[in-house]
């Protein structure tokens, strides 16, 4: 991993130098409409480097741009390689990579429970007793004293007889 850090540092140095030179070359170019090139005084590049300087600056811009793109792609690849080496897996990835316990092959656990057949005798069975619901009280209206729940009777409830005509 140390070679990737060293290579990244060297490439970053050249990347910054390339960016600064490209900015300088682009700003020194004379535009056809005298836009940004006029900021340095009209024919600044022609007076310093001669009449053929504009063609040399265009070629230098192309070379600096090509170097800029190559360094950008190289640095992106190196940073992704460095991240893949030192990447800690996320919690979700750790959970997905855990080994799964073997499934029990117990026949009783696998077989679905079959319901008991419904007969007229079981259809008339009494339902289980229902616990009483406590009264709803609020802070604004306290519960009346007579609304206290009564305990459920211990005798099972008898089913209602069907009405006969």
N, C-alpha and C. Protein backbone atom coordinates (compact mmCIF):
# COMPACT_ATOMS: atom_id res chain seq x y z
N UNK A 1 0.82 -1.18 0.00
CA UNK A 1 0.00 0.00 0.00
C UNK A 1 0.87 1.26 0.00
N UNK A 2 2.11 1.15 0.41
CA UNK A 2 2.97 2.32 0.45
C UNK A 2 3.34 2.78 -0.95
N UNK A 3 3.44 1.85 -1.89
CA UNK A 3 3.76 2.27 -3.25
C UNK A 3 2.61 3.05 -3.87
N UNK A 4 1.38 2.72 -3.51
CA UNK A 4 0.25 3.49 -4.05
C UNK A 4 0.23 4.89 -3.46
N UNK A 5 0.54 5.02 -2.18
CA UNK A 5 0.58 6.36 -1.57
C UNK A 5 1.68 7.21 -2.19
N UNK A 6 2.84 6.61 -2.42
CA UNK A 6 3.96 7.35 -3.02
C UNK A 6 3.63 7.76 -4.45
N UNK A 7 3.03 6.86 -5.21
CA UNK A 7 2.68 7.17 -6.59
C UNK A 7 1.59 8.24 -6.66
N UNK A 8 0.65 8.18 -5.75
CA UNK A 8 -0.40 9.19 -5.70
C UNK A 8 0.20 10.56 -5.39
N UNK A 9 1.13 10.62 -4.46
CA UNK A 9 1.76 11.89 -4.11
C UNK A 9 2.53 12.48 -5.29
N UNK A 10 3.27 11.63 -6.01
CA UNK A 10 4.04 12.12 -7.16
C UNK A 10 3.11 12.60 -8.26
N UNK A 11 2.07 11.83 -8.54
CA UNK A 11 1.13 12.23 -9.60
C UNK A 11 0.35 13.48 -9.22
N UNK A 12 0.03 13.63 -7.93
CA UNK A 12 -0.65 14.86 -7.49
C UNK A 12 0.24 16.08 -7.67
N UNK A 13 1.53 15.93 -7.43
CA UNK A 13 2.46 17.05 -7.64
C UNK A 13 2.44 17.48 -9.10
N UNK A 14 2.58 16.51 -10.02
CA UNK A 14 2.57 16.84 -11.44
C UNK A 14 1.19 17.35 -11.89
N UNK A 15 0.14 16.87 -11.25
CA UNK A 15 -1.21 17.30 -11.58
C UNK A 15 -1.39 18.79 -11.25
N UNK A 16 -0.92 19.20 -10.10
CA UNK A 16 -1.04 20.61 -9.71
C UNK A 16 -0.19 21.49 -10.62
N UNK A 17 1.02 21.06 -10.93
CA UNK A 17 1.88 21.82 -11.83
C UNK A 17 1.23 21.93 -13.21
N UNK A 18 0.67 20.85 -13.71
CA UNK A 18 0.01 20.86 -15.01
C UNK A 18 -1.19 21.80 -15.01
N UNK A 19 -1.97 21.78 -13.94
CA UNK A 19 -3.13 22.68 -13.85
C UNK A 19 -2.69 24.13 -13.87
N UNK A 20 -1.66 24.47 -13.12
CA UNK A 20 -1.19 25.85 -13.09
C UNK A 20 -0.65 26.29 -14.45
N UNK A 21 0.11 25.42 -15.12
CA UNK A 21 0.63 25.77 -16.44
C UNK A 21 -0.49 25.90 -17.47
N UNK A 22 -1.48 25.04 -17.39
CA UNK A 22 -2.59 25.11 -18.34
C UNK A 22 -3.38 26.41 -18.12
N UNK A 23 -3.58 26.80 -16.88
CA UNK A 23 -4.28 28.06 -16.61
C UNK A 23 -3.47 29.23 -17.18
N UNK A 24 -2.17 29.21 -16.97
CA UNK A 24 -1.32 30.28 -17.47
C UNK A 24 -1.35 30.37 -19.00
N UNK A 25 -1.26 29.21 -19.67
CA UNK A 25 -1.24 29.19 -21.13
C UNK A 25 -2.58 29.64 -21.71
N UNK A 26 -3.68 29.22 -21.10
CA UNK A 26 -5.00 29.61 -21.60
C UNK A 26 -5.21 31.11 -21.41
N UNK A 27 -4.78 31.64 -20.28
CA UNK A 27 -4.96 33.07 -20.05
C UNK A 27 -4.06 33.93 -20.95
N UNK A 28 -2.92 33.40 -21.37
CA UNK A 28 -2.03 34.16 -22.23
C UNK A 28 -2.45 34.16 -23.69
N UNK A 29 -3.34 33.27 -24.09
CA UNK A 29 -3.75 33.21 -25.49
C UNK A 29 -4.57 34.43 -25.85
N UNK A 30 -4.38 34.87 -27.06
CA UNK A 30 -5.11 36.03 -27.56
C UNK A 30 -6.38 35.52 -28.24
N UNK A 31 -7.51 35.96 -27.74
CA UNK A 31 -8.76 35.53 -28.34
C UNK A 31 -9.07 36.39 -29.55
N UNK A 32 -9.96 35.89 -30.41
CA UNK A 32 -10.31 36.62 -31.61
C UNK A 32 -11.12 37.86 -31.29
N UNK A 33 -11.87 37.84 -30.20
CA UNK A 33 -12.69 38.99 -29.83
C UNK A 33 -12.01 39.85 -28.76
N UNK A 34 -10.77 39.59 -28.48
CA UNK A 34 -10.02 40.32 -27.46
C UNK A 34 -10.72 40.21 -26.10
N UNK A 35 -11.16 39.01 -25.75
CA UNK A 35 -11.87 38.81 -24.49
C UNK A 35 -10.90 38.77 -23.32
N UNK A 36 -10.62 37.59 -22.82
CA UNK A 36 -9.77 37.45 -21.65
C UNK A 36 -8.30 37.74 -21.98
N UNK A 37 -7.92 37.53 -23.23
CA UNK A 37 -6.55 37.82 -23.63
C UNK A 37 -6.21 39.29 -23.54
N UNK A 38 -7.20 40.14 -23.64
CA UNK A 38 -6.97 41.59 -23.57
C UNK A 38 -6.68 42.04 -22.14
N UNK A 39 -6.95 41.21 -21.18
CA UNK A 39 -6.72 41.58 -19.78
C UNK A 39 -5.24 41.78 -19.51
N UNK A 40 -4.37 41.11 -20.28
CA UNK A 40 -2.93 41.25 -20.07
C UNK A 40 -2.32 42.34 -20.95
N UNK A 41 -3.16 43.06 -21.65
CA UNK A 41 -2.64 44.17 -22.44
C UNK A 41 -2.59 43.90 -23.92
N UNK A 42 -3.64 43.43 -24.51
CA UNK A 42 -3.76 43.29 -25.96
C UNK A 42 -2.78 42.30 -26.55
N UNK A 43 -1.68 42.73 -27.07
CA UNK A 43 -0.72 41.86 -27.73
C UNK A 43 0.43 41.48 -26.83
N UNK A 44 0.13 41.14 -25.61
CA UNK A 44 1.16 40.79 -24.62
C UNK A 44 2.01 39.61 -25.09
N UNK A 45 1.36 38.57 -25.58
CA UNK A 45 2.11 37.38 -25.98
C UNK A 45 2.93 37.64 -27.24
N UNK A 46 2.40 38.48 -28.15
CA UNK A 46 3.16 38.76 -29.38
C UNK A 46 4.37 39.63 -29.09
N UNK A 47 4.23 40.52 -28.14
CA UNK A 47 5.37 41.39 -27.84
C UNK A 47 6.46 40.65 -27.07
N UNK A 48 6.07 39.67 -26.26
CA UNK A 48 7.07 38.94 -25.48
C UNK A 48 7.70 37.82 -26.30
N UNK A 49 6.88 36.98 -26.99
CA UNK A 49 7.42 35.80 -27.67
C UNK A 49 7.40 35.89 -29.20
N UNK A 50 6.91 36.94 -29.75
CA UNK A 50 6.92 37.10 -31.21
C UNK A 50 5.55 36.80 -31.81
N UNK A 51 5.44 36.93 -33.14
CA UNK A 51 4.16 36.81 -33.85
C UNK A 51 3.66 35.38 -33.90
N UNK A 52 4.51 34.39 -33.87
CA UNK A 52 4.09 32.98 -33.98
C UNK A 52 3.78 32.34 -32.63
N UNK A 53 3.70 33.14 -31.60
CA UNK A 53 3.49 32.61 -30.25
C UNK A 53 2.10 32.04 -30.07
N UNK A 54 1.11 32.58 -30.79
CA UNK A 54 -0.25 32.10 -30.57
C UNK A 54 -0.39 30.64 -31.00
N UNK A 55 0.29 30.24 -32.06
CA UNK A 55 0.23 28.84 -32.51
C UNK A 55 0.91 27.92 -31.49
N UNK A 56 2.00 28.36 -30.91
CA UNK A 56 2.72 27.58 -29.91
C UNK A 56 1.87 27.45 -28.64
N UNK A 57 1.15 28.50 -28.29
CA UNK A 57 0.30 28.44 -27.10
C UNK A 57 -0.87 27.49 -27.28
N UNK A 58 -1.40 27.42 -28.49
CA UNK A 58 -2.49 26.47 -28.77
C UNK A 58 -1.98 25.04 -28.65
N UNK A 59 -0.80 24.79 -29.19
CA UNK A 59 -0.22 23.44 -29.09
C UNK A 59 0.08 23.09 -27.62
N UNK A 60 0.58 24.08 -26.87
CA UNK A 60 0.87 23.83 -25.46
C UNK A 60 -0.42 23.55 -24.68
N UNK A 61 -1.50 24.24 -25.04
CA UNK A 61 -2.79 24.00 -24.37
C UNK A 61 -3.27 22.57 -24.63
N UNK A 62 -3.11 22.13 -25.87
CA UNK A 62 -3.54 20.76 -26.20
C UNK A 62 -2.71 19.75 -25.41
N UNK A 63 -1.40 19.95 -25.33
CA UNK A 63 -0.55 19.01 -24.60
C UNK A 63 -0.87 19.02 -23.10
N UNK A 64 -1.03 20.20 -22.54
CA UNK A 64 -1.35 20.28 -21.11
C UNK A 64 -2.72 19.66 -20.81
N UNK A 65 -3.68 19.84 -21.72
CA UNK A 65 -5.00 19.23 -21.52
C UNK A 65 -4.92 17.71 -21.60
N UNK A 66 -4.13 17.18 -22.52
CA UNK A 66 -3.97 15.72 -22.63
C UNK A 66 -3.32 15.16 -21.37
N UNK A 67 -2.28 15.84 -20.89
CA UNK A 67 -1.62 15.40 -19.66
C UNK A 67 -2.58 15.49 -18.48
N UNK A 68 -3.40 16.54 -18.44
CA UNK A 68 -4.39 16.71 -17.38
C UNK A 68 -5.36 15.52 -17.34
N UNK A 69 -5.87 15.12 -18.49
CA UNK A 69 -6.82 14.01 -18.52
C UNK A 69 -6.15 12.68 -18.17
N UNK A 70 -4.93 12.45 -18.64
CA UNK A 70 -4.24 11.20 -18.29
C UNK A 70 -3.96 11.13 -16.78
N UNK A 71 -3.52 12.24 -16.21
CA UNK A 71 -3.26 12.26 -14.77
C UNK A 71 -4.56 12.09 -13.97
N UNK A 72 -5.64 12.69 -14.44
CA UNK A 72 -6.92 12.57 -13.74
C UNK A 72 -7.39 11.12 -13.71
N UNK A 73 -7.31 10.45 -14.85
CA UNK A 73 -7.75 9.05 -14.92
C UNK A 73 -6.83 8.17 -14.08
N UNK A 74 -5.53 8.43 -14.14
CA UNK A 74 -4.58 7.63 -13.35
C UNK A 74 -4.81 7.81 -11.85
N UNK A 75 -5.04 9.04 -11.43
CA UNK A 75 -5.29 9.28 -10.01
C UNK A 75 -6.60 8.66 -9.56
N UNK A 76 -7.61 8.71 -10.39
CA UNK A 76 -8.89 8.09 -10.04
C UNK A 76 -8.73 6.58 -9.87
N UNK A 77 -8.00 5.96 -10.76
CA UNK A 77 -7.77 4.51 -10.64
C UNK A 77 -6.96 4.17 -9.39
N UNK A 78 -5.94 4.96 -9.11
CA UNK A 78 -5.12 4.70 -7.92
C UNK A 78 -5.92 4.90 -6.63
N UNK A 79 -6.74 5.94 -6.58
CA UNK A 79 -7.56 6.16 -5.39
C UNK A 79 -8.58 5.04 -5.19
N UNK A 80 -9.16 4.55 -6.27
CA UNK A 80 -10.13 3.45 -6.12
C UNK A 80 -9.41 2.16 -5.71
N UNK A 81 -8.21 1.95 -6.22
CA UNK A 81 -7.43 0.77 -5.81
C UNK A 81 -7.06 0.86 -4.34
N UNK A 82 -6.65 2.05 -3.91
CA UNK A 82 -6.29 2.26 -2.50
C UNK A 82 -7.51 2.05 -1.60
N UNK A 83 -8.66 2.52 -2.03
CA UNK A 83 -9.88 2.35 -1.23
C UNK A 83 -10.30 0.89 -1.16
N UNK A 84 -10.10 0.15 -2.24
CA UNK A 84 -10.48 -1.27 -2.22
C UNK A 84 -9.57 -2.07 -1.31
N UNK A 85 -8.31 -1.64 -1.15
CA UNK A 85 -7.40 -2.35 -0.25
C UNK A 85 -7.73 -2.11 1.21
N UNK A 86 -8.08 -0.88 1.54
CA UNK A 86 -8.30 -0.55 2.93
C UNK A 86 -9.77 -0.47 3.30
N UNK A 87 -10.63 -0.91 2.40
CA UNK A 87 -12.06 -0.78 2.66
C UNK A 87 -12.52 -1.78 3.70
N UNK A 88 -13.21 -1.29 4.68
CA UNK A 88 -13.84 -2.15 5.66
C UNK A 88 -15.23 -2.46 5.12
N UNK A 89 -15.63 -3.69 5.26
CA UNK A 89 -16.95 -4.04 4.76
C UNK A 89 -18.02 -3.44 5.65
N UNK A 90 -19.12 -3.09 5.06
CA UNK A 90 -20.20 -2.48 5.81
C UNK A 90 -20.91 -3.53 6.66
N UNK A 91 -21.76 -3.07 7.55
CA UNK A 91 -22.50 -3.98 8.43
C UNK A 91 -23.39 -4.89 7.61
N UNK A 92 -24.01 -4.35 6.59
CA UNK A 92 -24.88 -5.15 5.73
C UNK A 92 -24.09 -6.23 5.02
N UNK A 93 -22.89 -5.89 4.50
CA UNK A 93 -22.07 -6.89 3.84
C UNK A 93 -21.61 -7.96 4.82
N UNK A 94 -21.30 -7.58 6.06
CA UNK A 94 -20.89 -8.57 7.05
C UNK A 94 -22.03 -9.53 7.36
N UNK A 95 -23.26 -9.00 7.45
CA UNK A 95 -24.41 -9.87 7.72
C UNK A 95 -24.67 -10.81 6.56
N UNK A 96 -24.48 -10.33 5.34
CA UNK A 96 -24.72 -11.18 4.18
C UNK A 96 -23.65 -12.26 4.02
N UNK A 97 -22.45 -11.98 4.50
CA UNK A 97 -21.35 -12.93 4.36
C UNK A 97 -21.29 -13.95 5.50
N UNK A 98 -22.12 -13.78 6.53
CA UNK A 98 -22.11 -14.74 7.63
C UNK A 98 -22.60 -16.09 7.14
N UNK A 99 -22.01 -17.19 7.66
CA UNK A 99 -22.51 -18.51 7.25
C UNK A 99 -23.89 -18.76 7.86
N UNK A 100 -24.71 -19.44 7.10
CA UNK A 100 -26.08 -19.73 7.53
C UNK A 100 -26.09 -21.08 8.24
N UNK A 101 -26.81 -21.16 9.36
CA UNK A 101 -26.91 -22.41 10.10
C UNK A 101 -27.72 -23.41 9.28
N UNK A 102 -27.36 -24.70 9.33
CA UNK A 102 -28.11 -25.69 8.55
C UNK A 102 -29.54 -25.80 9.07
N UNK A 103 -30.44 -26.09 8.17
CA UNK A 103 -31.86 -26.21 8.50
C UNK A 103 -32.10 -27.57 9.13
N UNK A 104 -32.91 -27.57 10.19
CA UNK A 104 -33.24 -28.81 10.87
C UNK A 104 -34.12 -29.66 9.97
N UNK A 105 -33.85 -30.97 9.93
CA UNK A 105 -34.64 -31.85 9.08
C UNK A 105 -35.63 -32.67 9.89
N UNK A 106 -36.00 -32.17 11.06
CA UNK A 106 -36.98 -32.84 11.90
C UNK A 106 -38.32 -32.85 11.18
N UNK A 107 -38.91 -34.02 11.01
CA UNK A 107 -40.16 -34.15 10.26
C UNK A 107 -41.31 -33.46 10.98
N UNK A 108 -41.31 -33.47 12.31
CA UNK A 108 -42.40 -32.84 13.05
C UNK A 108 -42.35 -31.32 12.89
N UNK A 109 -41.15 -30.78 12.80
CA UNK A 109 -41.04 -29.34 12.65
C UNK A 109 -41.42 -28.90 11.24
N UNK A 110 -41.22 -29.77 10.27
CA UNK A 110 -41.50 -29.42 8.88
C UNK A 110 -42.97 -29.62 8.54
N UNK A 111 -43.59 -30.68 9.08
CA UNK A 111 -44.97 -30.99 8.73
C UNK A 111 -45.91 -29.91 9.26
N UNK A 112 -46.82 -29.41 8.42
CA UNK A 112 -47.75 -28.39 8.91
C UNK A 112 -48.76 -29.01 9.85
N UNK A 113 -49.19 -28.22 10.80
CA UNK A 113 -50.18 -28.70 11.76
C UNK A 113 -51.54 -28.79 11.07
N UNK A 114 -52.20 -29.94 11.23
CA UNK A 114 -53.52 -30.10 10.62
C UNK A 114 -54.56 -29.76 11.66
N UNK A 115 -55.56 -28.97 11.30
CA UNK A 115 -56.59 -28.62 12.27
C UNK A 115 -57.50 -29.82 12.56
N UNK A 116 -58.05 -29.85 13.77
CA UNK A 116 -58.95 -30.94 14.15
C UNK A 116 -60.24 -30.81 13.35
N UNK A 117 -60.84 -31.92 12.99
CA UNK A 117 -62.07 -31.85 12.21
C UNK A 117 -63.18 -31.23 13.05
N UNK A 118 -64.00 -30.43 12.40
CA UNK A 118 -65.10 -29.76 13.08
C UNK A 118 -66.30 -30.69 13.10
N UNK A 119 -66.78 -31.00 14.29
CA UNK A 119 -67.98 -31.84 14.45
C UNK A 119 -69.04 -31.00 15.15
N UNK A 120 -70.30 -31.42 15.11
CA UNK A 120 -71.34 -30.65 15.80
C UNK A 120 -71.07 -30.51 17.29
N UNK A 121 -70.42 -31.50 17.89
CA UNK A 121 -70.15 -31.43 19.33
C UNK A 121 -69.11 -30.35 19.63
N UNK A 122 -68.08 -30.20 18.77
CA UNK A 122 -67.05 -29.17 19.02
C UNK A 122 -67.53 -27.81 18.57
N UNK A 123 -68.49 -27.75 17.68
CA UNK A 123 -69.01 -26.46 17.24
C UNK A 123 -69.80 -25.78 18.35
N UNK A 124 -70.43 -26.55 19.28
CA UNK A 124 -71.22 -26.00 20.37
C UNK A 124 -70.37 -25.71 21.60
N UNK A 125 -69.05 -25.87 21.50
CA UNK A 125 -68.18 -25.66 22.66
C UNK A 125 -68.23 -24.20 23.07
N UNK A 126 -67.98 -23.98 24.32
CA UNK A 126 -68.04 -22.62 24.85
C UNK A 126 -66.76 -21.88 24.48
N UNK A 127 -66.89 -20.61 24.17
CA UNK A 127 -65.68 -19.84 23.87
C UNK A 127 -64.92 -19.57 25.15
N UNK A 128 -63.63 -19.29 25.06
CA UNK A 128 -62.86 -18.99 26.26
C UNK A 128 -63.34 -17.68 26.86
N UNK A 129 -63.22 -17.52 28.18
CA UNK A 129 -63.68 -16.29 28.81
C UNK A 129 -62.81 -15.12 28.36
N UNK A 130 -63.45 -13.97 28.22
CA UNK A 130 -62.77 -12.77 27.77
C UNK A 130 -62.49 -11.90 28.99
N UNK A 131 -61.28 -11.39 29.08
CA UNK A 131 -60.90 -10.54 30.20
C UNK A 131 -61.64 -9.21 30.09
N UNK A 132 -62.08 -8.65 31.22
CA UNK A 132 -62.80 -7.37 31.14
C UNK A 132 -61.86 -6.24 30.74
N UNK A 133 -62.39 -5.29 30.01
CA UNK A 133 -61.62 -4.15 29.54
C UNK A 133 -61.71 -3.05 30.59
N UNK A 134 -60.58 -2.52 31.04
CA UNK A 134 -60.63 -1.45 32.04
C UNK A 134 -61.23 -0.19 31.41
N UNK A 135 -61.91 0.63 32.21
CA UNK A 135 -62.52 1.84 31.67
C UNK A 135 -61.45 2.84 31.26
N UNK A 136 -61.77 3.63 30.24
CA UNK A 136 -60.86 4.64 29.73
C UNK A 136 -61.00 5.88 30.59
N UNK A 137 -59.89 6.34 31.10
CA UNK A 137 -59.90 7.55 31.91
C UNK A 137 -58.94 8.55 31.31
N UNK A 138 -59.15 9.78 31.60
CA UNK A 138 -58.24 10.81 31.14
C UNK A 138 -57.91 11.70 32.33
N UNK A 139 -57.00 12.61 32.16
CA UNK A 139 -56.63 13.52 33.23
C UNK A 139 -57.75 14.52 33.50
N UNK A 140 -58.54 14.80 32.49
CA UNK A 140 -59.62 15.77 32.65
C UNK A 140 -60.83 15.17 33.33
N UNK A 141 -61.08 13.88 33.08
CA UNK A 141 -62.28 13.25 33.64
C UNK A 141 -61.89 11.95 34.34
N UNK A 142 -61.83 11.94 35.67
CA UNK A 142 -61.44 10.72 36.38
C UNK A 142 -62.53 9.67 36.27
N UNK A 143 -62.13 8.42 36.44
CA UNK A 143 -63.09 7.31 36.35
C UNK A 143 -63.99 7.31 37.58
N UNK A 144 -65.28 7.04 37.39
CA UNK A 144 -66.18 6.97 38.55
C UNK A 144 -65.86 5.75 39.40
N UNK A 145 -66.22 5.82 40.67
CA UNK A 145 -65.89 4.75 41.61
C UNK A 145 -66.65 3.48 41.28
N UNK A 146 -67.83 3.58 40.68
CA UNK A 146 -68.61 2.38 40.38
C UNK A 146 -68.14 1.69 39.11
N UNK A 147 -67.16 2.25 38.40
CA UNK A 147 -66.72 1.67 37.13
C UNK A 147 -65.52 0.75 37.31
N UNK A 148 -65.25 0.30 38.49
CA UNK A 148 -64.13 -0.60 38.70
C UNK A 148 -64.48 -1.95 38.11
N UNK A 149 -63.55 -2.60 37.47
CA UNK A 149 -63.86 -3.89 36.84
C UNK A 149 -64.08 -4.96 37.90
N UNK A 150 -65.00 -5.84 37.60
CA UNK A 150 -65.29 -6.95 38.49
C UNK A 150 -64.50 -8.15 38.03
N UNK A 151 -64.07 -8.99 38.97
CA UNK A 151 -63.31 -10.17 38.55
C UNK A 151 -64.21 -11.14 37.79
N UNK A 152 -63.61 -11.87 36.87
CA UNK A 152 -64.37 -12.83 36.06
C UNK A 152 -64.82 -13.99 36.94
N UNK A 153 -65.99 -14.48 36.66
CA UNK A 153 -66.51 -15.60 37.46
C UNK A 153 -65.75 -16.86 37.12
N UNK A 154 -65.68 -17.76 38.10
CA UNK A 154 -64.92 -18.98 37.88
C UNK A 154 -65.75 -20.03 37.15
N UNK A 155 -67.05 -19.88 37.11
CA UNK A 155 -67.89 -20.87 36.42
C UNK A 155 -67.89 -20.56 34.93
N UNK A 156 -67.80 -21.59 34.11
CA UNK A 156 -67.81 -21.34 32.66
C UNK A 156 -69.19 -20.86 32.23
N UNK A 157 -69.17 -20.00 31.25
CA UNK A 157 -70.43 -19.49 30.73
C UNK A 157 -71.14 -20.58 29.94
N UNK A 158 -72.45 -20.61 30.05
CA UNK A 158 -73.22 -21.61 29.30
C UNK A 158 -73.64 -20.99 27.99
N UNK A 159 -73.62 -21.78 26.93
CA UNK A 159 -74.01 -21.23 25.64
C UNK A 159 -75.51 -20.94 25.60
N UNK A 160 -75.85 -19.98 24.81
CA UNK A 160 -77.26 -19.63 24.70
C UNK A 160 -78.00 -20.70 23.93
N UNK A 161 -79.22 -20.99 24.34
CA UNK A 161 -80.02 -22.00 23.66
C UNK A 161 -80.59 -21.36 22.41
N UNK A 162 -80.60 -22.12 21.31
CA UNK A 162 -81.19 -21.55 20.10
C UNK A 162 -82.70 -21.44 20.27
N UNK A 163 -83.21 -20.35 19.75
CA UNK A 163 -84.66 -20.12 19.87
C UNK A 163 -85.41 -21.06 18.93
N UNK A 164 -86.45 -21.67 19.42
CA UNK A 164 -87.25 -22.56 18.60
C UNK A 164 -88.60 -21.94 18.37
N UNK A 165 -89.19 -22.16 17.25
CA UNK A 165 -90.49 -21.59 16.93
C UNK A 165 -91.57 -22.57 17.10
